[in-house]
Amino acid sequence: MIAAALTGYFDAGGHFPPPRPVRPHFYAAAGVILFYTARLGYWQWAKEETHLDRPFLIGGALVGNALVALAGFLGGRLVYS
């Protein structure tokens, strides 16, 4: 995922902030990476299981998939508009 994000970043010009038409997709993709990294950190390093683990991980998967769908939608708008 990080390789794909870097490829898109350099394809968009490789400077920060990204060009205006690319910004919504760029920030949505960065949000996906940050969210799934935080979710992985929670899953990997949580010291003890609690009754909230399963709802947190399932809810996190749903939110993460919604972020992926949003980033894909915004990327599609770049390609097809």
PDB file of N, CA and C in Angstrom:
ATOM      1  N   MET A   1       0.826  -1.183   0.000  1.00  0.00           N
ATOM      2  CA  MET A   1       0.000   0.000   0.000  1.00  0.00           C
ATOM      3  C   MET A   1       0.877   1.256   0.000  1.00  0.00           C
ATOM      4  N   ILE A   2       1.946   1.223   0.752  1.00  0.00           N
ATOM      5  CA  ILE A   2       2.820   2.396   0.807  1.00  0.00           C
ATOM      6  C   ILE A   2       3.510   2.609  -0.544  1.00  0.00           C
ATOM      7  N   ALA A   3       3.889   1.513  -1.213  1.00  0.00           N
ATOM      8  CA  ALA A   3       4.508   1.643  -2.532  1.00  0.00           C
ATOM      9  C   ALA A   3       3.531   2.267  -3.530  1.00  0.00           C
ATOM     10  N   ALA A   4       2.276   1.871  -3.475  1.00  0.00           N
ATOM     11  CA  ALA A   4       1.271   2.447  -4.374  1.00  0.00           C
ATOM     12  C   ALA A   4       1.069   3.927  -4.067  1.00  0.00           C
ATOM     13  N   ALA A   5       1.054   4.287  -2.788  1.00  0.00           N
ATOM     14  CA  ALA A   5       0.882   5.688  -2.408  1.00  0.00           C
ATOM     15  C   ALA A   5       2.067   6.523  -2.885  1.00  0.00           C
ATOM     16  N   LEU A   6       3.267   6.017  -2.723  1.00  0.00           N
ATOM     17  CA  LEU A   6       4.448   6.757  -3.184  1.00  0.00           C
ATOM     18  C   LEU A   6       4.463   6.903  -4.701  1.00  0.00           C
ATOM     19  N   THR A   7       4.046   5.857  -5.401  1.00  0.00           N
ATOM     20  CA  THR A   7       3.977   5.926  -6.861  1.00  0.00           C
ATOM     21  C   THR A   7       2.996   7.005  -7.300  1.00  0.00           C
ATOM     22  N   GLY A   8       1.822   7.045  -6.660  1.00  0.00           N
ATOM     23  CA  GLY A   8       0.838   8.076  -6.980  1.00  0.00           C
ATOM     24  C   GLY A   8       1.346   9.467  -6.642  1.00  0.00           C
ATOM     25  N   TYR A   9       2.049   9.581  -5.529  1.00  0.00           N
ATOM     26  CA  TYR A   9       2.605  10.869  -5.111  1.00  0.00           C
ATOM     27  C   TYR A   9       3.585  11.403  -6.150  1.00  0.00           C
ATOM     28  N   PHE A  10       4.495  10.540  -6.594  1.00  0.00           N
ATOM     29  CA  PHE A  10       5.477  10.988  -7.577  1.00  0.00           C
ATOM     30  C   PHE A  10       4.841  11.186  -8.951  1.00  0.00           C
ATOM     31  N   ASP A  11       3.801  10.417  -9.259  1.00  0.00           N
ATOM     32  CA  ASP A  11       3.098  10.599 -10.520  1.00  0.00           C
ATOM     33  C   ASP A  11       2.372  11.948 -10.545  1.00  0.00           C
ATOM     34  N   ALA A  12       1.927  12.426  -9.377  1.00  0.00           N
ATOM     35  CA  ALA A  12       1.232  13.704  -9.290  1.00  0.00           C
ATOM     36  C   ALA A  12       2.191  14.892  -9.256  1.00  0.00           C
ATOM     37  N   GLY A  13       3.467  14.647  -9.301  1.00  0.00           N
ATOM     38  CA  GLY A  13       4.435  15.736  -9.335  1.00  0.00           C
ATOM     39  C   GLY A  13       5.485  15.641  -8.250  1.00  0.00           C
ATOM     40  N   GLY A  14       5.211  14.918  -7.185  1.00  0.00           N
ATOM     41  CA  GLY A  14       6.204  14.685  -6.157  1.00  0.00           C
ATOM     42  C   GLY A  14       6.541  15.874  -5.291  1.00  0.00           C
ATOM     43  N   HIS A  15       5.643  16.824  -5.160  1.00  0.00           N
ATOM     44  CA  HIS A  15       5.902  17.948  -4.266  1.00  0.00           C
ATOM     45  C   HIS A  15       4.723  18.117  -3.315  1.00  0.00           C
ATOM     46  N   PHE A  16       4.985  18.767  -2.205  1.00  0.00           N
ATOM     47  CA  PHE A  16       3.948  18.950  -1.199  1.00  0.00           C
ATOM     48  C   PHE A  16       3.650  20.426  -1.049  1.00  0.00           C
ATOM     49  N   PRO A  17       2.445  20.862  -1.011  1.00  0.00           N
ATOM     50  CA  PRO A  17       1.229  20.055  -1.095  1.00  0.00           C
ATOM     51  C   PRO A  17       0.978  19.597  -2.525  1.00  0.00           C
ATOM     52  N   PRO A  18       0.233  18.514  -2.692  1.00  0.00           N
ATOM     53  CA  PRO A  18      -0.034  18.026  -4.049  1.00  0.00           C
ATOM     54  C   PRO A  18      -0.889  19.028  -4.824  1.00  0.00           C
ATOM     55  N   PRO A  19      -0.888  18.925  -6.139  1.00  0.00           N
ATOM     56  CA  PRO A  19      -1.704  19.842  -6.946  1.00  0.00           C
ATOM     57  C   PRO A  19      -3.177  19.790  -6.519  1.00  0.00           C
ATOM     58  N   ARG A  20      -3.874  20.894  -6.654  1.00  0.00           N
ATOM     59  CA  ARG A  20      -5.240  21.017  -6.147  1.00  0.00           C
ATOM     60  C   ARG A  20      -6.187  19.899  -6.614  1.00  0.00           C
ATOM     61  N   PRO A  21      -6.214  19.481  -7.869  1.00  0.00           N
ATOM     62  CA  PRO A  21      -7.167  18.434  -8.241  1.00  0.00           C
ATOM     63  C   PRO A  21      -6.871  17.088  -7.571  1.00  0.00           C
ATOM     64  N   VAL A  22      -5.638  16.883  -7.150  1.00  0.00           N
ATOM     65  CA  VAL A  22      -5.219  15.599  -6.591  1.00  0.00           C
ATOM     66  C   VAL A  22      -5.396  15.558  -5.068  1.00  0.00           C
ATOM     67  N   ARG A  23      -5.520  16.703  -4.420  1.00  0.00           N
ATOM     68  CA  ARG A  23      -5.512  16.767  -2.956  1.00  0.00           C
ATOM     69  C   ARG A  23      -6.547  15.887  -2.264  1.00  0.00           C
ATOM     70  N   PRO A  24      -7.829  15.899  -2.676  1.00  0.00           N
ATOM     71  CA  PRO A  24      -8.785  15.052  -1.946  1.00  0.00           C
ATOM     72  C   PRO A  24      -8.409  13.576  -1.987  1.00  0.00           C
ATOM     73  N   HIS A  25      -7.993  13.102  -3.164  1.00  0.00           N
ATOM     74  CA  HIS A  25      -7.595  11.697  -3.276  1.00  0.00           C
ATOM     75  C   HIS A  25      -6.329  11.420  -2.468  1.00  0.00           C
ATOM     76  N   PHE A  26      -5.369  12.338  -2.526  1.00  0.00           N
ATOM     77  CA  PHE A  26      -4.117  12.159  -1.794  1.00  0.00           C
ATOM     78  C   PHE A  26      -4.364  12.061  -0.296  1.00  0.00           C
ATOM     79  N   TYR A  27      -5.184  12.981   0.244  1.00  0.00           N
ATOM     80  CA  TYR A  27      -5.439  12.969   1.683  1.00  0.00           C
ATOM     81  C   TYR A  27      -6.297  11.778   2.098  1.00  0.00           C
ATOM     82  N   ALA A  28      -7.204  11.343   1.241  1.00  0.00           N
ATOM     83  CA  ALA A  28      -7.987  10.136   1.547  1.00  0.00           C
ATOM     84  C   ALA A  28      -7.073   8.913   1.588  1.00  0.00           C
ATOM     85  N   ALA A  29      -6.145   8.823   0.642  1.00  0.00           N
ATOM     86  CA  ALA A  29      -5.207   7.692   0.627  1.00  0.00           C
ATOM     87  C   ALA A  29      -4.275   7.739   1.836  1.00  0.00           C
ATOM     88  N   ALA A  30      -3.826   8.935   2.200  1.00  0.00           N
ATOM     89  CA  ALA A  30      -2.988   9.057   3.399  1.00  0.00           C
ATOM     90  C   ALA A  30      -3.776   8.672   4.644  1.00  0.00           C
ATOM     91  N   GLY A  31      -5.054   9.018   4.683  1.00  0.00           N
ATOM     92  CA  GLY A  31      -5.912   8.625   5.799  1.00  0.00           C
ATOM     93  C   GLY A  31      -6.059   7.121   5.902  1.00  0.00           C
ATOM     94  N   VAL A  32      -6.160   6.454   4.760  1.00  0.00           N
ATOM     95  CA  VAL A  32      -6.244   4.986   4.754  1.00  0.00           C
ATOM     96  C   VAL A  32      -4.986   4.395   5.376  1.00  0.00           C
ATOM     97  N   ILE A  33      -3.838   4.871   4.940  1.00  0.00           N
ATOM     98  CA  ILE A  33      -2.572   4.332   5.455  1.00  0.00           C
ATOM     99  C   ILE A  33      -2.450   4.588   6.953  1.00  0.00           C
ATOM    100  N   LEU A  34      -2.745   5.809   7.390  1.00  0.00           N
ATOM    101  CA  LEU A  34      -2.634   6.125   8.820  1.00  0.00           C
ATOM    102  C   LEU A  34      -3.637   5.326   9.651  1.00  0.00           C
ATOM    103  N   PHE A  35      -4.858   5.212   9.169  1.00  0.00           N
ATOM    104  CA  PHE A  35      -5.880   4.495   9.924  1.00  0.00           C
ATOM    105  C   PHE A  35      -5.524   3.018  10.068  1.00  0.00           C
ATOM    106  N   TYR A  36      -5.155   2.380   8.953  1.00  0.00           N
ATOM    107  CA  TYR A  36      -4.819   0.958   9.036  1.00  0.00           C
ATOM    108  C   TYR A  36      -3.530   0.724   9.826  1.00  0.00           C
ATOM    109  N   THR A  37      -2.605   1.669   9.806  1.00  0.00           N
ATOM    110  CA  THR A  37      -1.402   1.535  10.631  1.00  0.00           C
ATOM    111  C   THR A  37      -1.753   1.620  12.111  1.00  0.00           C
ATOM    112  N   ALA A  38      -2.635   2.553  12.473  1.00  0.00           N
ATOM    113  CA  ALA A  38      -3.067   2.654  13.869  1.00  0.00           C
ATOM    114  C   ALA A  38      -3.831   1.407  14.295  1.00  0.00           C
ATOM    115  N   ARG A  39      -4.665   0.904  13.414  1.00  0.00           N
ATOM    116  CA  ARG A  39      -5.427  -0.314  13.727  1.00  0.00           C
ATOM    117  C   ARG A  39      -4.487  -1.512  13.906  1.00  0.00           C
ATOM    118  N   LEU A  40      -3.489  -1.605  13.048  1.00  0.00           N
ATOM    119  CA  LEU A  40      -2.497  -2.667  13.185  1.00  0.00           C
ATOM    120  C   LEU A  40      -1.746  -2.537  14.497  1.00  0.00           C
ATOM    121  N   GLY A  41      -1.368  -1.308  14.847  1.00  0.00           N
ATOM    122  CA  GLY A  41      -0.668  -1.100  16.117  1.00  0.00           C
ATOM    123  C   GLY A  41      -1.511  -1.528  17.299  1.00  0.00           C
ATOM    124  N   TYR A  42      -2.791  -1.191  17.278  1.00  0.00           N
ATOM    125  CA  TYR A  42      -3.671  -1.620  18.370  1.00  0.00           C
ATOM    126  C   TYR A  42      -3.754  -3.141  18.423  1.00  0.00           C
ATOM    127  N   TRP A  43      -3.958  -3.768  17.271  1.00  0.00           N
ATOM    128  CA  TRP A  43      -4.097  -5.217  17.221  1.00  0.00           C
ATOM    129  C   TRP A  43      -2.800  -5.909  17.635  1.00  0.00           C
ATOM    130  N   GLN A  44      -1.674  -5.366  17.204  1.00  0.00           N
ATOM    131  CA  GLN A  44      -0.396  -6.026  17.453  1.00  0.00           C
ATOM    132  C   GLN A  44       0.086  -5.845  18.887  1.00  0.00           C
ATOM    133  N   TRP A  45      -0.116  -4.658  19.453  1.00  0.00           N
ATOM    134  CA  TRP A  45       0.532  -4.366  20.723  1.00  0.00           C
ATOM    135  C   TRP A  45      -0.410  -4.209  21.911  1.00  0.00           C
ATOM    136  N   ALA A  46      -1.694  -4.505  21.715  1.00  0.00           N
ATOM    137  CA  ALA A  46      -2.608  -4.483  22.864  1.00  0.00           C
ATOM    138  C   ALA A  46      -2.169  -5.579  23.829  1.00  0.00           C
ATOM    139  N   LYS A  47      -1.943  -5.208  25.071  1.00  0.00           N
ATOM    140  CA  LYS A  47      -1.347  -6.144  26.027  1.00  0.00           C
ATOM    141  C   LYS A  47      -2.325  -7.206  26.524  1.00  0.00           C
ATOM    142  N   GLU A  48      -3.555  -6.828  26.730  1.00  0.00           N
ATOM    143  CA  GLU A  48      -4.507  -7.806  27.234  1.00  0.00           C
ATOM    144  C   GLU A  48      -5.821  -7.652  26.492  1.00  0.00           C
ATOM    145  N   GLU A  49      -6.506  -8.759  26.317  1.00  0.00           N
ATOM    146  CA  GLU A  49      -7.774  -8.728  25.600  1.00  0.00           C
ATOM    147  C   GLU A  49      -8.864  -8.140  26.493  1.00  0.00           C
ATOM    148  N   THR A  50      -9.698  -7.341  25.880  1.00  0.00           N
ATOM    149  CA  THR A  50     -10.839  -6.788  26.591  1.00  0.00           C
ATOM    150  C   THR A  50     -12.103  -7.119  25.807  1.00  0.00           C
ATOM    151  N   HIS A  51     -13.243  -6.821  26.390  1.00  0.00           N
ATOM    152  CA  HIS A  51     -14.499  -7.085  25.698  1.00  0.00           C
ATOM    153  C   HIS A  51     -14.718  -6.128  24.527  1.00  0.00           C
ATOM    154  N   LEU A  52     -13.884  -5.091  24.394  1.00  0.00           N
ATOM    155  CA  LEU A  52     -14.020  -4.140  23.301  1.00  0.00           C
ATOM    156  C   LEU A  52     -13.162  -4.478  22.089  1.00  0.00           C
ATOM    157  N   ASP A  53     -12.318  -5.497  22.198  1.00  0.00           N
ATOM    158  CA  ASP A  53     -11.408  -5.802  21.094  1.00  0.00           C
ATOM    159  C   ASP A  53     -12.147  -6.138  19.806  1.00  0.00           C
ATOM    160  N   ARG A  54     -13.085  -7.061  19.870  1.00  0.00           N
ATOM    161  CA  ARG A  54     -13.771  -7.491  18.655  1.00  0.00           C
ATOM    162  C   ARG A  54     -14.573  -6.350  18.021  1.00  0.00           C
ATOM    163  N   PRO A  55     -15.408  -5.622  18.777  1.00  0.00           N
ATOM    164  CA  PRO A  55     -16.120  -4.498  18.133  1.00  0.00           C
ATOM    165  C   PRO A  55     -15.185  -3.432  17.580  1.00  0.00           C
ATOM    166  N   PHE A  56     -14.081  -3.165  18.271  1.00  0.00           N
ATOM    167  CA  PHE A  56     -13.128  -2.170  17.786  1.00  0.00           C
ATOM    168  C   PHE A  56     -12.504  -2.614  16.472  1.00  0.00           C
ATOM    169  N   LEU A  57     -12.082  -3.867  16.401  1.00  0.00           N
ATOM    170  CA  LEU A  57     -11.428  -4.345  15.187  1.00  0.00           C
ATOM    171  C   LEU A  57     -12.415  -4.469  14.028  1.00  0.00           C
ATOM    172  N   ILE A  58     -13.625  -4.931  14.299  1.00  0.00           N
ATOM    173  CA  ILE A  58     -14.624  -5.032  13.227  1.00  0.00           C
ATOM    174  C   ILE A  58     -15.054  -3.637  12.773  1.00  0.00           C
ATOM    175  N   GLY A  59     -15.312  -2.756  13.729  1.00  0.00           N
ATOM    176  CA  GLY A  59     -15.660  -1.380  13.367  1.00  0.00           C
ATOM    177  C   GLY A  59     -14.531  -0.691  12.619  1.00  0.00           C
ATOM    178  N   GLY A  60     -13.309  -0.959  13.054  1.00  0.00           N
ATOM    179  CA  GLY A  60     -12.155  -0.394  12.359  1.00  0.00           C
ATOM    180  C   GLY A  60     -12.034  -0.907  10.938  1.00  0.00           C
ATOM    181  N   ALA A  61     -12.347  -2.179  10.734  1.00  0.00           N
ATOM    182  CA  ALA A  61     -12.317  -2.731   9.377  1.00  0.00           C
ATOM    183  C   ALA A  61     -13.369  -2.061   8.499  1.00  0.00           C
ATOM    184  N   LEU A  62     -14.554  -1.832   9.061  1.00  0.00           N
ATOM    185  CA  LEU A  62     -15.612  -1.173   8.290  1.00  0.00           C
ATOM    186  C   LEU A  62     -15.246   0.269   7.941  1.00  0.00           C
ATOM    187  N   VAL A  63     -14.712   0.993   8.915  1.00  0.00           N
ATOM    188  CA  VAL A  63     -14.296   2.377   8.658  1.00  0.00           C
ATOM    189  C   VAL A  63     -13.147   2.402   7.653  1.00  0.00           C
ATOM    190  N   GLY A  64     -12.196   1.494   7.812  1.00  0.00           N
ATOM    191  CA  GLY A  64     -11.071   1.430   6.879  1.00  0.00           C
ATOM    192  C   GLY A  64     -11.523   1.126   5.461  1.00  0.00           C
ATOM    193  N   ASN A  65     -12.464   0.206   5.317  1.00  0.00           N
ATOM    194  CA  ASN A  65     -12.972  -0.112   3.980  1.00  0.00           C
ATOM    195  C   ASN A  65     -13.737   1.062   3.392  1.00  0.00           C
ATOM    196  N   ALA A  66     -14.449   1.816   4.226  1.00  0.00           N
ATOM    197  CA  ALA A  66     -15.127   3.017   3.730  1.00  0.00           C
ATOM    198  C   ALA A  66     -14.100   4.051   3.254  1.00  0.00           C
ATOM    199  N   LEU A  67     -12.997   4.182   3.974  1.00  0.00           N
ATOM    200  CA  LEU A  67     -11.928   5.103   3.538  1.00  0.00           C
ATOM    201  C   LEU A  67     -11.312   4.655   2.217  1.00  0.00           C
ATOM    202  N   VAL A  68     -11.133   3.340   2.053  1.00  0.00           N
ATOM    203  CA  VAL A  68     -10.592   2.820   0.795  1.00  0.00           C
ATOM    204  C   VAL A  68     -11.566   3.124  -0.345  1.00  0.00           C
ATOM    205  N   ALA A  69     -12.862   2.918  -0.096  1.00  0.00           N
ATOM    206  CA  ALA A  69     -13.862   3.208  -1.131  1.00  0.00           C
ATOM    207  C   ALA A  69     -13.858   4.694  -1.493  1.00  0.00           C
ATOM    208  N   LEU A  70     -13.739   5.560  -0.490  1.00  0.00           N
ATOM    209  CA  LEU A  70     -13.694   6.997  -0.752  1.00  0.00           C
ATOM    210  C   LEU A  70     -12.459   7.366  -1.565  1.00  0.00           C
ATOM    211  N   ALA A  71     -11.308   6.824  -1.188  1.00  0.00           N
ATOM    212  CA  ALA A  71     -10.075   7.124  -1.931  1.00  0.00           C
ATOM    213  C   ALA A  71     -10.185   6.604  -3.369  1.00  0.00           C
ATOM    214  N   GLY A  72     -10.766   5.433  -3.542  1.00  0.00           N
ATOM    215  CA  GLY A  72     -10.958   4.903  -4.892  1.00  0.00           C
ATOM    216  C   GLY A  72     -11.916   5.749  -5.710  1.00  0.00           C
ATOM    217  N   PHE A  73     -12.996   6.193  -5.087  1.00  0.00           N
ATOM    218  CA  PHE A  73     -13.954   7.058  -5.779  1.00  0.00           C
ATOM    219  C   PHE A  73     -13.298   8.360  -6.214  1.00  0.00           C
ATOM    220  N   LEU A  74     -12.554   8.985  -5.302  1.00  0.00           N
ATOM    221  CA  LEU A  74     -11.890  10.242  -5.635  1.00  0.00           C
ATOM    222  C   LEU A  74     -10.818  10.043  -6.703  1.00  0.00           C
ATOM    223  N   GLY A  75     -10.126   8.912  -6.655  1.00  0.00           N
ATOM    224  CA  GLY A  75      -9.145   8.610  -7.696  1.00  0.00           C
ATOM    225  C   GLY A  75      -9.802   8.385  -9.046  1.00  0.00           C
ATOM    226  N   GLY A  76     -10.958   7.717  -9.030  1.00  0.00           N
ATOM    227  CA  GLY A  76     -11.696   7.514 -10.273  1.00  0.00           C
ATOM    228  C   GLY A  76     -12.173   8.821 -10.876  1.00  0.00           C
ATOM    229  N   ARG A  77     -12.557   9.755 -10.020  1.00  0.00           N
ATOM    230  CA  ARG A  77     -12.969  11.078 -10.518  1.00  0.00           C
ATOM    231  C   ARG A  77     -11.805  11.779 -11.207  1.00  0.00           C
ATOM    232  N   LEU A  78     -10.586  11.552 -10.712  1.00  0.00           N
ATOM    233  CA  LEU A  78      -9.415  12.147 -11.369  1.00  0.00           C
ATOM    234  C   LEU A  78      -9.199  11.568 -12.755  1.00  0.00           C
ATOM    235  N   VAL A  79      -9.393  10.262 -12.861  1.00  0.00           N
ATOM    236  CA  VAL A  79      -9.107   9.580 -14.114  1.00  0.00           C
ATOM    237  C   VAL A  79     -10.178   9.860 -15.165  1.00  0.00           C
ATOM    238  N   TYR A  80     -11.432   9.826 -14.736  1.00  0.00           N
ATOM    239  CA  TYR A  80     -12.528   9.878 -15.712  1.00  0.00           C
ATOM    240  C   TYR A  80     -13.156  11.247 -15.880  1.00  0.00           C
ATOM    241  N   SER A  81     -12.592  12.281 -15.260  1.00  0.00           N
ATOM    242  CA  SER A  81     -13.190  13.606 -15.464  1.00  0.00           C
ATOM    243  C   SER A  81     -12.309  14.471 -16.338  1.00  0.00           C
TER     244      SER A  81
END
